[in-house]
């Protein structure tokens, strides 16, 4: 069953995707599957293990199932100065 989500991209992921956010319908079962789909769609090379994922403003685990209408954010490591 397909679910529609809002995806948010930050830092280098935003640059690679070319957009700060997008709406997406997916058949992925969990956040890990969704990220694999996004990697293929936008050519993102970051391994999942190096990222954080948040759902509706709270950090989540990659194995969590997707829920229609959720806002999912992929957050790469950030270097600061």
C-alpha atoms as a PDB file:
ATOM      1  CA  UNK A   1       0.000   0.000   0.000  1.00  0.00           C
ATOM      2  CA  UNK A   2       1.325   3.400  -0.977  1.00  0.00           C
ATOM      3  CA  UNK A   3       1.752   6.196   1.570  1.00  0.00           C
ATOM      4  CA  UNK A   4       2.347   9.872   0.853  1.00  0.00           C
ATOM      5  CA  UNK A   5       4.954  11.681   2.942  1.00  0.00           C
ATOM      6  CA  UNK A   6       6.675  15.038   3.064  1.00  0.00           C
ATOM      7  CA  UNK A   7      10.452  14.703   2.926  1.00  0.00           C
ATOM      8  CA  UNK A   8      12.855  17.330   4.262  1.00  0.00           C
ATOM      9  CA  UNK A   9      16.501  17.492   3.219  1.00  0.00           C
ATOM     10  CA  UNK A  10      19.273  19.279   5.087  1.00  0.00           C
ATOM     11  CA  UNK A  11      22.820  20.424   4.271  1.00  0.00           C
ATOM     12  CA  UNK A  12      24.539  18.297   1.582  1.00  0.00           C
ATOM     13  CA  UNK A  13      21.411  16.193   1.075  1.00  0.00           C
ATOM     14  CA  UNK A  14      19.481  19.351   0.156  1.00  0.00           C
ATOM     15  CA  UNK A  15      22.193  20.272  -2.347  1.00  0.00           C
ATOM     16  CA  UNK A  16      22.113  16.809  -3.900  1.00  0.00           C
ATOM     17  CA  UNK A  17      18.310  16.566  -4.065  1.00  0.00           C
ATOM     18  CA  UNK A  18      18.106  20.101  -5.439  1.00  0.00           C
ATOM     19  CA  UNK A  19      15.099  20.904  -3.244  1.00  0.00           C
ATOM     20  CA  UNK A  20      14.629  21.574   0.485  1.00  0.00           C
ATOM     21  CA  UNK A  21      11.528  19.367   0.598  1.00  0.00           C
ATOM     22  CA  UNK A  22       9.209  17.291  -1.555  1.00  0.00           C
ATOM     23  CA  UNK A  23       6.039  15.249  -1.338  1.00  0.00           C
ATOM     24  CA  UNK A  24       6.481  11.594  -2.254  1.00  0.00           C
ATOM     25  CA  UNK A  25       4.263   8.548  -2.561  1.00  0.00           C
ATOM     26  CA  UNK A  26       6.120   5.347  -1.739  1.00  0.00           C
ATOM     27  CA  UNK A  27       5.607   1.622  -1.326  1.00  0.00           C
ATOM     28  CA  UNK A  28       8.536   1.389   1.143  1.00  0.00           C
ATOM     29  CA  UNK A  29       7.702  -0.456   4.360  1.00  0.00           C
ATOM     30  CA  UNK A  30      10.007   1.470   6.687  1.00  0.00           C
ATOM     31  CA  UNK A  31      12.349   4.454   6.918  1.00  0.00           C
ATOM     32  CA  UNK A  32      15.322   2.392   5.707  1.00  0.00           C
ATOM     33  CA  UNK A  33      13.465   1.390   2.551  1.00  0.00           C
ATOM     34  CA  UNK A  34      12.381   4.979   2.006  1.00  0.00           C
ATOM     35  CA  UNK A  35      15.985   6.182   2.234  1.00  0.00           C
ATOM     36  CA  UNK A  36      17.087   3.546  -0.298  1.00  0.00           C
ATOM     37  CA  UNK A  37      14.437   4.866  -2.663  1.00  0.00           C
ATOM     38  CA  UNK A  38      15.621   8.447  -2.107  1.00  0.00           C
ATOM     39  CA  UNK A  39      19.257   7.448  -2.651  1.00  0.00           C
ATOM     40  CA  UNK A  40      18.367   5.994  -6.053  1.00  0.00           C
ATOM     41  CA  UNK A  41      16.077   8.889  -6.970  1.00  0.00           C
ATOM     42  CA  UNK A  42      18.609  11.648  -6.226  1.00  0.00           C
ATOM     43  CA  UNK A  43      21.950   9.825  -6.500  1.00  0.00           C
ATOM     44  CA  UNK A  44      22.740  10.289  -2.804  1.00  0.00           C
ATOM     45  CA  UNK A  45      25.904   8.493  -1.737  1.00  0.00           C
ATOM     46  CA  UNK A  46      25.709   8.931   2.061  1.00  0.00           C
ATOM     47  CA  UNK A  47      25.471   5.535   3.785  1.00  0.00           C
ATOM     48  CA  UNK A  48      22.427   5.303   6.016  1.00  0.00           C
ATOM     49  CA  UNK A  49      24.638   4.624   9.056  1.00  0.00           C
ATOM     50  CA  UNK A  50      26.035   8.167   8.809  1.00  0.00           C
ATOM     51  CA  UNK A  51      22.645   9.894   8.884  1.00  0.00           C
ATOM     52  CA  UNK A  52      19.937  10.640  11.409  1.00  0.00           C
ATOM     53  CA  UNK A  53      16.288  10.396  10.520  1.00  0.00           C
ATOM     54  CA  UNK A  54      13.414  12.222  12.183  1.00  0.00           C
ATOM     55  CA  UNK A  55       9.659  11.769  11.851  1.00  0.00           C
ATOM     56  CA  UNK A  56       7.348  14.649  12.718  1.00  0.00           C
ATOM     57  CA  UNK A  57      10.169  16.477  14.495  1.00  0.00           C
ATOM     58  CA  UNK A  58      11.423  13.574  16.634  1.00  0.00           C
ATOM     59  CA  UNK A  59      14.420  11.345  15.984  1.00  0.00           C
ATOM     60  CA  UNK A  60      13.369   7.900  14.800  1.00  0.00           C
ATOM     61  CA  UNK A  61      14.835   4.456  14.142  1.00  0.00           C
ATOM     62  CA  UNK A  62      15.350   3.239  10.599  1.00  0.00           C
ATOM     63  CA  UNK A  63      13.117   0.204  11.197  1.00  0.00           C
ATOM     64  CA  UNK A  64      10.037   2.281  12.032  1.00  0.00           C
ATOM     65  CA  UNK A  65       7.115   1.767   9.637  1.00  0.00           C
ATOM     66  CA  UNK A  66       5.952   4.644   7.474  1.00  0.00           C
ATOM     67  CA  UNK A  67       2.728   6.445   8.313  1.00  0.00           C
ATOM     68  CA  UNK A  68       0.810   8.447   5.716  1.00  0.00           C
ATOM     69  CA  UNK A  69       1.033  12.203   6.149  1.00  0.00           C
ATOM     70  CA  UNK A  70       4.256  12.118   8.181  1.00  0.00           C
ATOM     71  CA  UNK A  71       7.071  14.603   7.726  1.00  0.00           C
ATOM     72  CA  UNK A  72      10.378  12.753   7.383  1.00  0.00           C
ATOM     73  CA  UNK A  73      13.725  14.555   7.674  1.00  0.00           C
ATOM     74  CA  UNK A  74      17.064  13.094   6.602  1.00  0.00           C
ATOM     75  CA  UNK A  75      19.914  14.770   8.477  1.00  0.00           C
ATOM     76  CA  UNK A  76      23.562  14.293   7.470  1.00  0.00           C
ATOM     77  CA  UNK A  77      26.483  14.898   9.823  1.00  0.00           C
ATOM     78  CA  UNK A  78      27.189  18.604  10.152  1.00  0.00           C
ATOM     79  CA  UNK A  79      30.649  20.057  10.533  1.00  0.00           C
ATOM     80  CA  UNK A  80      30.931  23.373  12.249  1.00  0.00           C
ATOM     81  CA  UNK A  81      33.497  25.938  13.066  1.00  0.00           C
END
